[in-house]
Amino acid sequence: MADAQTAGRPEAVTGTGTGTDEAALLAEGGLRLEVSGAVAAITLNRPERRNAMTFATWRGLAAIGRSLPADVRVVVLRGEGPSFSAGIDLGMFSGEGGGFPDTSDPEAADRLIAELQEGYTWLRRPDVVTVAAVQGHAIGGGFQLALACDIRVAADDAKFCMKEPALGLVPDLTGTKPLVEIVGIGRALELCLTARTVPADEAARIGLAEIVVPRDGLDGAVRDLVDALLAVNPGAAVATKRLLWQAAENTLEEQCAAERREQIGRLRELFGG
């Protein structure tokens, strides 16, 4: 059996979908992209730094989202080596990897952070289903990357931690909203303000991981999930994800109307008219 490091990797890579400039950006950010038909695998590829992230990592993720081939239906995110991601590269505190933005111009700093957040926000698009295959540590920005995905499959050695407050920062890579939606405000406050580590079994109990498997079963579990996702009608999958993502913000009346609109669209595509 393949180990966790091959989790979600396409068996036959048909292309990266990247040009020369984008390939250089991905390499700088410690990212690898493999596309095989309807499946794209994004690998955080700095195992010597436990896949710690820099501005280049987040820009690279955003670039992947902008250039993802239209026929990709499932995106799997994984980490090379023993950890998913240790979060922000602590070298950035001393100016490595570009350092932090100059906050003397708040508007410029706001634009920069929004640019980096784009590496996470596209994972919620309705045209793809995104899966995080998590082993080892998923800390800070790594935890938020897993939270940005639709489904999290965790190895039994996975450990989640929202570390930013302990570093004097706040979680700013889109993770606060899904965290509160999943575990509630009280638990989210406890996790963030103590920066404690959540093991895989607790993550499953409180909804942070949909599936937990032994470490050596992560590859197979992700592959089975991808196969099941691809077996569903593509148009129905897109419409259903769109419905589910808006459900929390809609009133019942609004959601009922949204369901009617989506179903009419599906019936039109299936039967004409």
C-alpha atoms as a PDB file:
ATOM      1  CA  MET A   1       0.000   0.000   0.000  1.00  0.00           C
ATOM      2  CA  ALA A   2       1.227   3.506  -0.807  1.00  0.00           C
ATOM      3  CA  ASP A   3       1.970   5.659   2.217  1.00  0.00           C
ATOM      4  CA  ALA A   4       0.352   8.941   3.182  1.00  0.00           C
ATOM      5  CA  GLN A   5       2.764  10.938   1.071  1.00  0.00           C
ATOM      6  CA  THR A   6       1.027   9.768  -2.110  1.00  0.00           C
ATOM      7  CA  ALA A   7      -2.460  10.510  -0.844  1.00  0.00           C
ATOM      8  CA  GLY A   8      -4.696  11.780  -3.605  1.00  0.00           C
ATOM      9  CA  ARG A   9      -1.947  11.827  -6.226  1.00  0.00           C
ATOM     10  CA  PRO A  10      -3.252  11.083  -9.752  1.00  0.00           C
ATOM     11  CA  GLU A  11      -1.931   7.756 -10.986  1.00  0.00           C
ATOM     12  CA  ALA A  12      -1.095   9.229 -14.372  1.00  0.00           C
ATOM     13  CA  VAL A  13      -0.115  12.859 -14.623  1.00  0.00           C
ATOM     14  CA  THR A  14      -1.226  14.291 -17.953  1.00  0.00           C
ATOM     15  CA  GLY A  15      -0.065  17.839 -17.403  1.00  0.00           C
ATOM     16  CA  THR A  16       0.489  20.578 -14.873  1.00  0.00           C
ATOM     17  CA  GLY A  17      -1.669  23.221 -16.487  1.00  0.00           C
ATOM     18  CA  THR A  18       1.022  25.828 -15.789  1.00  0.00           C
ATOM     19  CA  GLY A  19       3.067  28.124 -17.976  1.00  0.00           C
ATOM     20  CA  THR A  20       6.716  28.963 -17.412  1.00  0.00           C
ATOM     21  CA  ASP A  21       6.036  31.968 -15.165  1.00  0.00           C
ATOM     22  CA  GLU A  22       3.483  30.123 -13.085  1.00  0.00           C
ATOM     23  CA  ALA A  23       5.726  27.072 -12.778  1.00  0.00           C
ATOM     24  CA  ALA A  24       8.469  29.325 -11.401  1.00  0.00           C
ATOM     25  CA  LEU A  25       5.996  30.851  -8.932  1.00  0.00           C
ATOM     26  CA  LEU A  26       4.906  27.406  -7.730  1.00  0.00           C
ATOM     27  CA  ALA A  27       8.504  26.312  -7.315  1.00  0.00           C
ATOM     28  CA  GLU A  28       9.290  29.453  -5.312  1.00  0.00           C
ATOM     29  CA  GLY A  29       6.276  28.818  -3.096  1.00  0.00           C
ATOM     30  CA  GLY A  30       7.143  25.168  -2.517  1.00  0.00           C
ATOM     31  CA  LEU A  31       4.127  23.872  -4.425  1.00  0.00           C
ATOM     32  CA  ARG A  32       3.640  21.041  -6.882  1.00  0.00           C
ATOM     33  CA  LEU A  33       0.588  20.736  -9.148  1.00  0.00           C
ATOM     34  CA  GLU A  34      -0.379  17.516 -10.901  1.00  0.00           C
ATOM     35  CA  VAL A  35      -3.465  17.274 -13.105  1.00  0.00           C
ATOM     36  CA  SER A  36      -4.923  14.038 -14.415  1.00  0.00           C
ATOM     37  CA  GLY A  37      -8.237  14.430 -16.174  1.00  0.00           C
ATOM     38  CA  ALA A  38     -10.848  15.610 -13.695  1.00  0.00           C
ATOM     39  CA  VAL A  39      -8.516  15.470 -10.668  1.00  0.00           C
ATOM     40  CA  ALA A  40      -5.893  18.027  -9.625  1.00  0.00           C
ATOM     41  CA  ALA A  41      -3.458  17.317  -6.797  1.00  0.00           C
ATOM     42  CA  ILE A  42      -1.730  20.247  -5.083  1.00  0.00           C
ATOM     43  CA  THR A  43       1.193  19.297  -2.894  1.00  0.00           C
ATOM     44  CA  LEU A  44       2.824  21.532  -0.310  1.00  0.00           C
ATOM     45  CA  ASN A  45       6.392  20.562  -1.109  1.00  0.00           C
ATOM     46  CA  ARG A  46       8.793  21.943   1.506  1.00  0.00           C
ATOM     47  CA  PRO A  47       9.179  18.878   3.719  1.00  0.00           C
ATOM     48  CA  GLU A  48      12.483  20.147   5.101  1.00  0.00           C
ATOM     49  CA  ARG A  49      10.491  23.036   6.659  1.00  0.00           C
ATOM     50  CA  ARG A  50       7.416  20.921   7.458  1.00  0.00           C
ATOM     51  CA  ASN A  51       5.742  22.652   4.485  1.00  0.00           C
ATOM     52  CA  ALA A  52       5.853  26.040   6.175  1.00  0.00           C
ATOM     53  CA  MET A  53       4.235  28.774   4.085  1.00  0.00           C
ATOM     54  CA  THR A  54       5.448  32.108   2.734  1.00  0.00           C
ATOM     55  CA  PHE A  55       3.848  34.853   0.660  1.00  0.00           C
ATOM     56  CA  ALA A  56       5.052  32.932  -2.412  1.00  0.00           C
ATOM     57  CA  THR A  57       3.104  29.872  -1.245  1.00  0.00           C
ATOM     58  CA  TRP A  58      -0.114  31.815  -0.943  1.00  0.00           C
ATOM     59  CA  ARG A  59       0.422  33.598  -4.264  1.00  0.00           C
ATOM     60  CA  GLY A  60       1.125  30.247  -5.879  1.00  0.00           C
ATOM     61  CA  LEU A  61      -2.116  28.798  -4.525  1.00  0.00           C
ATOM     62  CA  ALA A  62      -4.003  31.796  -5.925  1.00  0.00           C
ATOM     63  CA  ALA A  63      -2.326  31.313  -9.317  1.00  0.00           C
ATOM     64  CA  ILE A  64      -3.412  27.670  -9.381  1.00  0.00           C
ATOM     65  CA  GLY A  65      -7.006  28.711  -8.755  1.00  0.00           C
ATOM     66  CA  ARG A  66      -6.918  31.224 -11.607  1.00  0.00           C
ATOM     67  CA  SER A  67      -5.481  28.756 -14.137  1.00  0.00           C
ATOM     68  CA  LEU A  68      -7.124  25.483 -13.098  1.00  0.00           C
ATOM     69  CA  PRO A  69      -8.300  23.580 -16.204  1.00  0.00           C
ATOM     70  CA  ALA A  70     -12.052  23.794 -16.719  1.00  0.00           C
ATOM     71  CA  ASP A  71     -12.500  20.012 -16.736  1.00  0.00           C
ATOM     72  CA  VAL A  72     -11.110  19.583 -13.201  1.00  0.00           C
ATOM     73  CA  ARG A  73     -13.860  18.517 -10.815  1.00  0.00           C
ATOM     74  CA  VAL A  74     -11.939  17.450  -7.705  1.00  0.00           C
ATOM     75  CA  VAL A  75      -8.914  19.117  -6.105  1.00  0.00           C
ATOM     76  CA  VAL A  76      -6.862  17.305  -3.469  1.00  0.00           C
ATOM     77  CA  LEU A  77      -4.462  19.228  -1.231  1.00  0.00           C
ATOM     78  CA  ARG A  78      -1.728  17.318   0.560  1.00  0.00           C
ATOM     79  CA  GLY A  79       1.623  17.841   2.233  1.00  0.00           C
ATOM     80  CA  GLU A  80       4.915  16.168   1.381  1.00  0.00           C
ATOM     81  CA  GLY A  81       6.673  14.514   4.295  1.00  0.00           C
ATOM     82  CA  PRO A  82       5.401  13.923   7.824  1.00  0.00           C
ATOM     83  CA  SER A  83       3.269  17.083   8.130  1.00  0.00           C
ATOM     84  CA  PHE A  84       0.492  18.745   6.164  1.00  0.00           C
ATOM     85  CA  SER A  85       1.822  22.210   7.004  1.00  0.00           C
ATOM     86  CA  ALA A  86       3.492  23.890   9.970  1.00  0.00           C
ATOM     87  CA  GLY A  87       1.803  27.160   8.966  1.00  0.00           C
ATOM     88  CA  ILE A  88       3.609  30.443   8.458  1.00  0.00           C
ATOM     89  CA  ASP A  89       7.359  30.156   7.956  1.00  0.00           C
ATOM     90  CA  LEU A  90       8.764  31.697  11.128  1.00  0.00           C
ATOM     91  CA  GLY A  91      11.677  33.016   9.060  1.00  0.00           C
ATOM     92  CA  MET A  92       9.284  35.707   7.854  1.00  0.00           C
ATOM     93  CA  PHE A  93       9.467  37.297  11.296  1.00  0.00           C
ATOM     94  CA  SER A  94      13.104  38.117  10.547  1.00  0.00           C
ATOM     95  CA  GLY A  95      12.448  39.317   7.001  1.00  0.00           C
ATOM     96  CA  GLU A  96      12.882  36.062   5.078  1.00  0.00           C
ATOM     97  CA  GLY A  97      10.410  35.311   2.306  1.00  0.00           C
ATOM     98  CA  GLY A  98       9.477  38.970   1.947  1.00  0.00           C
ATOM     99  CA  GLY A  99       8.738  39.700   5.585  1.00  0.00           C
ATOM    100  CA  PHE A 100       5.463  41.318   6.594  1.00  0.00           C
ATOM    101  CA  PRO A 101       3.592  44.137   4.822  1.00  0.00           C
ATOM    102  CA  ASP A 102       4.297  47.794   5.550  1.00  0.00           C
ATOM    103  CA  THR A 103       1.260  48.837   7.552  1.00  0.00           C
ATOM    104  CA  SER A 104       2.079  52.543   7.244  1.00  0.00           C
ATOM    105  CA  ASP A 105      -0.171  52.354   4.162  1.00  0.00           C
ATOM    106  CA  PRO A 106      -3.262  50.499   5.429  1.00  0.00           C
ATOM    107  CA  GLU A 107      -4.893  50.364   1.999  1.00  0.00           C
ATOM    108  CA  ALA A 108      -1.825  48.755   0.429  1.00  0.00           C
ATOM    109  CA  ALA A 109      -1.572  46.295   3.314  1.00  0.00           C
ATOM    110  CA  ASP A 110      -5.260  45.463   2.905  1.00  0.00           C
ATOM    111  CA  ARG A 111      -4.759  44.783  -0.807  1.00  0.00           C
ATOM    112  CA  LEU A 112      -1.793  42.541  -0.087  1.00  0.00           C
ATOM    113  CA  ILE A 113      -3.658  40.434   2.468  1.00  0.00           C
ATOM    114  CA  ALA A 114      -6.645  40.163   0.103  1.00  0.00           C
ATOM    115  CA  GLU A 115      -4.264  38.941  -2.612  1.00  0.00           C
ATOM    116  CA  LEU A 116      -2.943  36.238  -0.298  1.00  0.00           C
ATOM    117  CA  GLN A 117      -6.455  35.239   0.809  1.00  0.00           C
ATOM    118  CA  GLU A 118      -7.284  34.499  -2.826  1.00  0.00           C
ATOM    119  CA  GLY A 119      -5.133  31.383  -2.476  1.00  0.00           C
ATOM    120  CA  TYR A 120      -7.816  30.059  -0.105  1.00  0.00           C
ATOM    121  CA  THR A 121     -11.106  31.566  -1.296  1.00  0.00           C
ATOM    122  CA  TRP A 122     -11.126  29.835  -4.693  1.00  0.00           C
ATOM    123  CA  LEU A 123     -11.259  26.451  -2.947  1.00  0.00           C
ATOM    124  CA  ARG A 124     -14.912  27.176  -2.123  1.00  0.00           C
ATOM    125  CA  ARG A 125     -15.932  27.602  -5.774  1.00  0.00           C
ATOM    126  CA  PRO A 126     -18.971  25.483  -6.704  1.00  0.00           C
ATOM    127  CA  ASP A 127     -17.366  24.054  -9.860  1.00  0.00           C
ATOM    128  CA  VAL A 128     -14.843  21.973  -7.874  1.00  0.00           C
ATOM    129  CA  VAL A 129     -14.968  19.825  -4.759  1.00  0.00           C
ATOM    130  CA  THR A 130     -11.864  20.317  -2.640  1.00  0.00           C
ATOM    131  CA  VAL A 131     -10.385  17.689  -0.323  1.00  0.00           C
ATOM    132  CA  ALA A 132      -7.645  18.182   2.269  1.00  0.00           C
ATOM    133  CA  ALA A 133      -5.606  15.040   2.981  1.00  0.00           C
ATOM    134  CA  VAL A 134      -4.089  15.863   6.359  1.00  0.00           C
ATOM    135  CA  GLN A 135      -1.310  14.025   8.122  1.00  0.00           C
ATOM    136  CA  GLY A 136       0.840  15.214  10.989  1.00  0.00           C
ATOM    137  CA  HIS A 137       0.646  18.889  11.888  1.00  0.00           C
ATOM    138  CA  ALA A 138      -1.824  21.333  10.321  1.00  0.00           C
ATOM    139  CA  ILE A 139      -0.937  24.563  12.093  1.00  0.00           C
ATOM    140  CA  GLY A 140      -2.076  28.153  11.544  1.00  0.00           C
ATOM    141  CA  GLY A 141      -2.169  28.797   7.815  1.00  0.00           C
ATOM    142  CA  GLY A 142      -2.069  25.031   7.252  1.00  0.00           C
ATOM    143  CA  PHE A 143      -5.108  24.560   9.480  1.00  0.00           C
ATOM    144  CA  GLN A 144      -6.863  27.364   7.629  1.00  0.00           C
ATOM    145  CA  LEU A 145      -6.028  25.730   4.294  1.00  0.00           C
ATOM    146  CA  ALA A 146      -7.690  22.524   5.476  1.00  0.00           C
ATOM    147  CA  LEU A 147     -10.683  24.562   6.688  1.00  0.00           C
ATOM    148  CA  ALA A 148     -10.969  26.184   3.248  1.00  0.00           C
ATOM    149  CA  CYS A 149     -11.555  22.773   1.684  1.00  0.00           C
ATOM    150  CA  ASP A 150     -14.976  21.168   1.408  1.00  0.00           C
ATOM    151  CA  ILE A 151     -13.944  17.855   2.987  1.00  0.00           C
ATOM    152  CA  ARG A 152     -11.085  16.946   5.311  1.00  0.00           C
ATOM    153  CA  VAL A 153      -9.685  13.421   5.441  1.00  0.00           C
ATOM    154  CA  ALA A 154      -7.269  13.089   8.351  1.00  0.00           C
ATOM    155  CA  ALA A 155      -4.735  10.475   9.313  1.00  0.00           C
ATOM    156  CA  ASP A 156      -4.931   9.376  12.927  1.00  0.00           C
ATOM    157  CA  ASP A 157      -1.717  11.279  13.644  1.00  0.00           C
ATOM    158  CA  ALA A 158      -3.151  14.606  12.447  1.00  0.00           C
ATOM    159  CA  LYS A 159      -2.935  17.558  14.812  1.00  0.00           C
ATOM    160  CA  PHE A 160      -4.759  20.852  14.215  1.00  0.00           C
ATOM    161  CA  CYS A 161      -3.784  24.147  15.856  1.00  0.00           C
ATOM    162  CA  MET A 162      -4.743  27.796  15.272  1.00  0.00           C
ATOM    163  CA  LYS A 163      -1.395  29.218  16.310  1.00  0.00           C
ATOM    164  CA  GLU A 164      -1.657  32.830  15.148  1.00  0.00           C
ATOM    165  CA  PRO A 165      -2.841  34.444  18.421  1.00  0.00           C
ATOM    166  CA  ALA A 166       0.110  32.866  20.244  1.00  0.00           C
ATOM    167  CA  LEU A 167       2.371  34.636  17.717  1.00  0.00           C
ATOM    168  CA  GLY A 168       0.660  37.996  18.255  1.00  0.00           C
ATOM    169  CA  LEU A 169      -1.340  37.701  15.023  1.00  0.00           C
ATOM    170  CA  VAL A 170      -4.913  36.818  14.056  1.00  0.00           C
ATOM    171  CA  PRO A 171      -6.030  34.087  11.644  1.00  0.00           C
ATOM    172  CA  ASP A 172      -6.424  36.055   8.400  1.00  0.00           C
ATOM    173  CA  LEU A 173      -6.415  33.380   5.692  1.00  0.00           C
ATOM    174  CA  THR A 174     -10.217  32.926   5.643  1.00  0.00           C
ATOM    175  CA  GLY A 175     -10.239  30.381   8.503  1.00  0.00           C
ATOM    176  CA  THR A 176     -12.339  32.162  11.131  1.00  0.00           C
ATOM    177  CA  LYS A 177     -15.674  31.835   9.323  1.00  0.00           C
ATOM    178  CA  PRO A 178     -15.556  28.064   8.637  1.00  0.00           C
ATOM    179  CA  LEU A 179     -14.148  27.410  12.109  1.00  0.00           C
ATOM    180  CA  VAL A 180     -17.086  29.162  13.783  1.00  0.00           C
ATOM    181  CA  GLU A 181     -19.563  27.511  11.396  1.00  0.00           C
ATOM    182  CA  ILE A 182     -18.163  24.058  12.176  1.00  0.00           C
ATOM    183  CA  VAL A 183     -17.547  24.153  15.927  1.00  0.00           C
ATOM    184  CA  GLY A 184     -19.513  27.199  17.143  1.00  0.00           C
ATOM    185  CA  ILE A 185     -18.307  30.466  18.612  1.00  0.00           C
ATOM    186  CA  GLY A 186     -17.496  29.121  22.079  1.00  0.00           C
ATOM    187  CA  ARG A 187     -15.298  26.284  20.876  1.00  0.00           C
ATOM    188  CA  ALA A 188     -13.698  28.508  18.222  1.00  0.00           C
ATOM    189  CA  LEU A 189     -12.771  31.019  20.920  1.00  0.00           C
ATOM    190  CA  GLU A 190     -11.295  28.281  23.093  1.00  0.00           C
ATOM    191  CA  LEU A 191      -9.238  26.811  20.229  1.00  0.00           C
ATOM    192  CA  CYS A 192      -7.917  30.156  18.988  1.00  0.00           C
ATOM    193  CA  LEU A 193      -7.293  31.912  22.291  1.00  0.00           C
ATOM    194  CA  THR A 194      -5.483  28.960  23.847  1.00  0.00           C
ATOM    195  CA  ALA A 195      -3.768  27.901  20.594  1.00  0.00           C
ATOM    196  CA  ARG A 196      -4.062  24.331  21.819  1.00  0.00           C
ATOM    197  CA  THR A 197      -3.570  21.315  19.585  1.00  0.00           C
ATOM    198  CA  VAL A 198      -6.589  19.246  18.552  1.00  0.00           C
ATOM    199  CA  PRO A 199      -5.800  15.565  17.893  1.00  0.00           C
ATOM    200  CA  ALA A 200      -7.478  13.642  15.095  1.00  0.00           C
ATOM    201  CA  ASP A 201     -10.026  11.830  17.261  1.00  0.00           C
ATOM    202  CA  GLU A 202     -11.274  15.097  18.764  1.00  0.00           C
ATOM    203  CA  ALA A 203     -11.241  16.721  15.326  1.00  0.00           C
ATOM    204  CA  ALA A 204     -13.635  14.031  14.137  1.00  0.00           C
ATOM    205  CA  ARG A 205     -15.918  14.499  17.160  1.00  0.00           C
ATOM    206  CA  ILE A 206     -16.251  18.258  16.726  1.00  0.00           C
ATOM    207  CA  GLY A 207     -16.519  18.203  12.933  1.00  0.00           C
ATOM    208  CA  LEU A 208     -13.074  19.431  11.899  1.00  0.00           C
ATOM    209  CA  ALA A 209     -12.451  16.180  10.016  1.00  0.00           C
ATOM    210  CA  GLU A 210     -15.098  14.251   8.108  1.00  0.00           C
ATOM    211  CA  ILE A 211     -13.020  11.068   7.867  1.00  0.00           C
ATOM    212  CA  VAL A 212     -10.205   9.783  10.097  1.00  0.00           C
ATOM    213  CA  VAL A 213      -8.174   6.749   9.058  1.00  0.00           C
ATOM    214  CA  PRO A 214      -4.902   5.091  10.073  1.00  0.00           C
ATOM    215  CA  ARG A 215      -1.884   6.872   8.640  1.00  0.00           C
ATOM    216  CA  ASP A 216      -1.152   4.083   6.161  1.00  0.00           C
ATOM    217  CA  GLY A 217      -4.767   4.187   4.968  1.00  0.00           C
ATOM    218  CA  LEU A 218      -4.868   7.879   4.061  1.00  0.00           C
ATOM    219  CA  ASP A 219      -3.982   7.326   0.406  1.00  0.00           C
ATOM    220  CA  GLY A 220      -6.697   4.722  -0.096  1.00  0.00           C
ATOM    221  CA  ALA A 221      -9.333   6.718   1.766  1.00  0.00           C
ATOM    222  CA  VAL A 222      -8.691   9.801  -0.362  1.00  0.00           C
ATOM    223  CA  ARG A 223      -8.729   7.743  -3.545  1.00  0.00           C
ATOM    224  CA  ASP A 224     -12.046   6.134  -2.596  1.00  0.00           C
ATOM    225  CA  LEU A 225     -13.537   9.537  -1.786  1.00  0.00           C
ATOM    226  CA  VAL A 226     -12.364  11.022  -5.086  1.00  0.00           C
ATOM    227  CA  ASP A 227     -13.862   8.085  -6.988  1.00  0.00           C
ATOM    228  CA  ALA A 228     -17.193   8.560  -5.195  1.00  0.00           C
ATOM    229  CA  LEU A 229     -17.207  12.303  -5.908  1.00  0.00           C
ATOM    230  CA  LEU A 230     -16.503  11.743  -9.591  1.00  0.00           C
ATOM    231  CA  ALA A 231     -19.340   9.210  -9.842  1.00  0.00           C
ATOM    232  CA  VAL A 232     -21.937  11.920  -9.178  1.00  0.00           C
ATOM    233  CA  ASN A 233     -23.463  13.860 -12.087  1.00  0.00           C
ATOM    234  CA  PRO A 234     -21.174  16.894 -12.619  1.00  0.00           C
ATOM    235  CA  GLY A 235     -23.943  19.440 -13.087  1.00  0.00           C
ATOM    236  CA  ALA A 236     -25.849  18.187 -10.071  1.00  0.00           C
ATOM    237  CA  ALA A 237     -22.668  18.318  -7.970  1.00  0.00           C
ATOM    238  CA  VAL A 238     -22.032  21.960  -8.874  1.00  0.00           C
ATOM    239  CA  ALA A 239     -25.641  22.983  -8.222  1.00  0.00           C
ATOM    240  CA  THR A 240     -25.781  21.106  -4.924  1.00  0.00           C
ATOM    241  CA  LYS A 241     -22.531  22.600  -3.630  1.00  0.00           C
ATOM    242  CA  ARG A 242     -23.828  26.039  -4.563  1.00  0.00           C
ATOM    243  CA  LEU A 243     -27.025  25.369  -2.600  1.00  0.00           C
ATOM    244  CA  LEU A 244     -25.274  24.032   0.465  1.00  0.00           C
ATOM    245  CA  TRP A 245     -22.802  26.907   0.661  1.00  0.00           C
ATOM    246  CA  GLN A 246     -25.574  29.510   0.692  1.00  0.00           C
ATOM    247  CA  ALA A 247     -27.904  27.605   3.038  1.00  0.00           C
ATOM    248  CA  ALA A 248     -26.483  29.027   6.258  1.00  0.00           C
ATOM    249  CA  GLU A 249     -26.946  32.627   5.115  1.00  0.00           C
ATOM    250  CA  ASN A 250     -30.416  32.172   3.590  1.00  0.00           C
ATOM    251  CA  THR A 251     -33.749  32.217   5.338  1.00  0.00           C
ATOM    252  CA  LEU A 252     -35.855  29.111   4.796  1.00  0.00           C
ATOM    253  CA  GLU A 253     -37.900  31.023   2.228  1.00  0.00           C
ATOM    254  CA  GLU A 254     -34.775  32.128   0.374  1.00  0.00           C
ATOM    255  CA  GLN A 255     -33.319  28.621   0.433  1.00  0.00           C
ATOM    256  CA  CYS A 256     -36.546  27.099  -0.851  1.00  0.00           C
ATOM    257  CA  ALA A 257     -36.497  29.578  -3.734  1.00  0.00           C
ATOM    258  CA  ALA A 258     -32.844  28.742  -4.432  1.00  0.00           C
ATOM    259  CA  GLU A 259     -33.670  25.030  -4.505  1.00  0.00           C
ATOM    260  CA  ARG A 260     -36.456  25.675  -7.006  1.00  0.00           C
ATOM    261  CA  ARG A 261     -34.163  27.680  -9.270  1.00  0.00           C
ATOM    262  CA  GLU A 262     -31.439  25.061  -9.204  1.00  0.00           C
ATOM    263  CA  GLN A 263     -33.872  22.206  -9.803  1.00  0.00           C
ATOM    264  CA  ILE A 264     -35.470  23.960 -12.759  1.00  0.00           C
ATOM    265  CA  GLY A 265     -31.993  24.367 -14.228  1.00  0.00           C
ATOM    266  CA  ARG A 266     -31.233  20.691 -13.703  1.00  0.00           C
ATOM    267  CA  LEU A 267     -34.531  19.571 -15.239  1.00  0.00           C
ATOM    268  CA  ARG A 268     -33.937  21.843 -18.217  1.00  0.00           C
ATOM    269  CA  GLU A 269     -30.495  20.351 -18.779  1.00  0.00           C
ATOM    270  CA  LEU A 270     -31.691  16.771 -18.361  1.00  0.00           C
ATOM    271  CA  PHE A 271     -34.938  16.931 -20.302  1.00  0.00           C
ATOM    272  CA  GLY A 272     -34.802  20.134 -22.351  1.00  0.00           C
ATOM    273  CA  GLY A 273     -37.365  22.900 -22.428  1.00  0.00           C
END
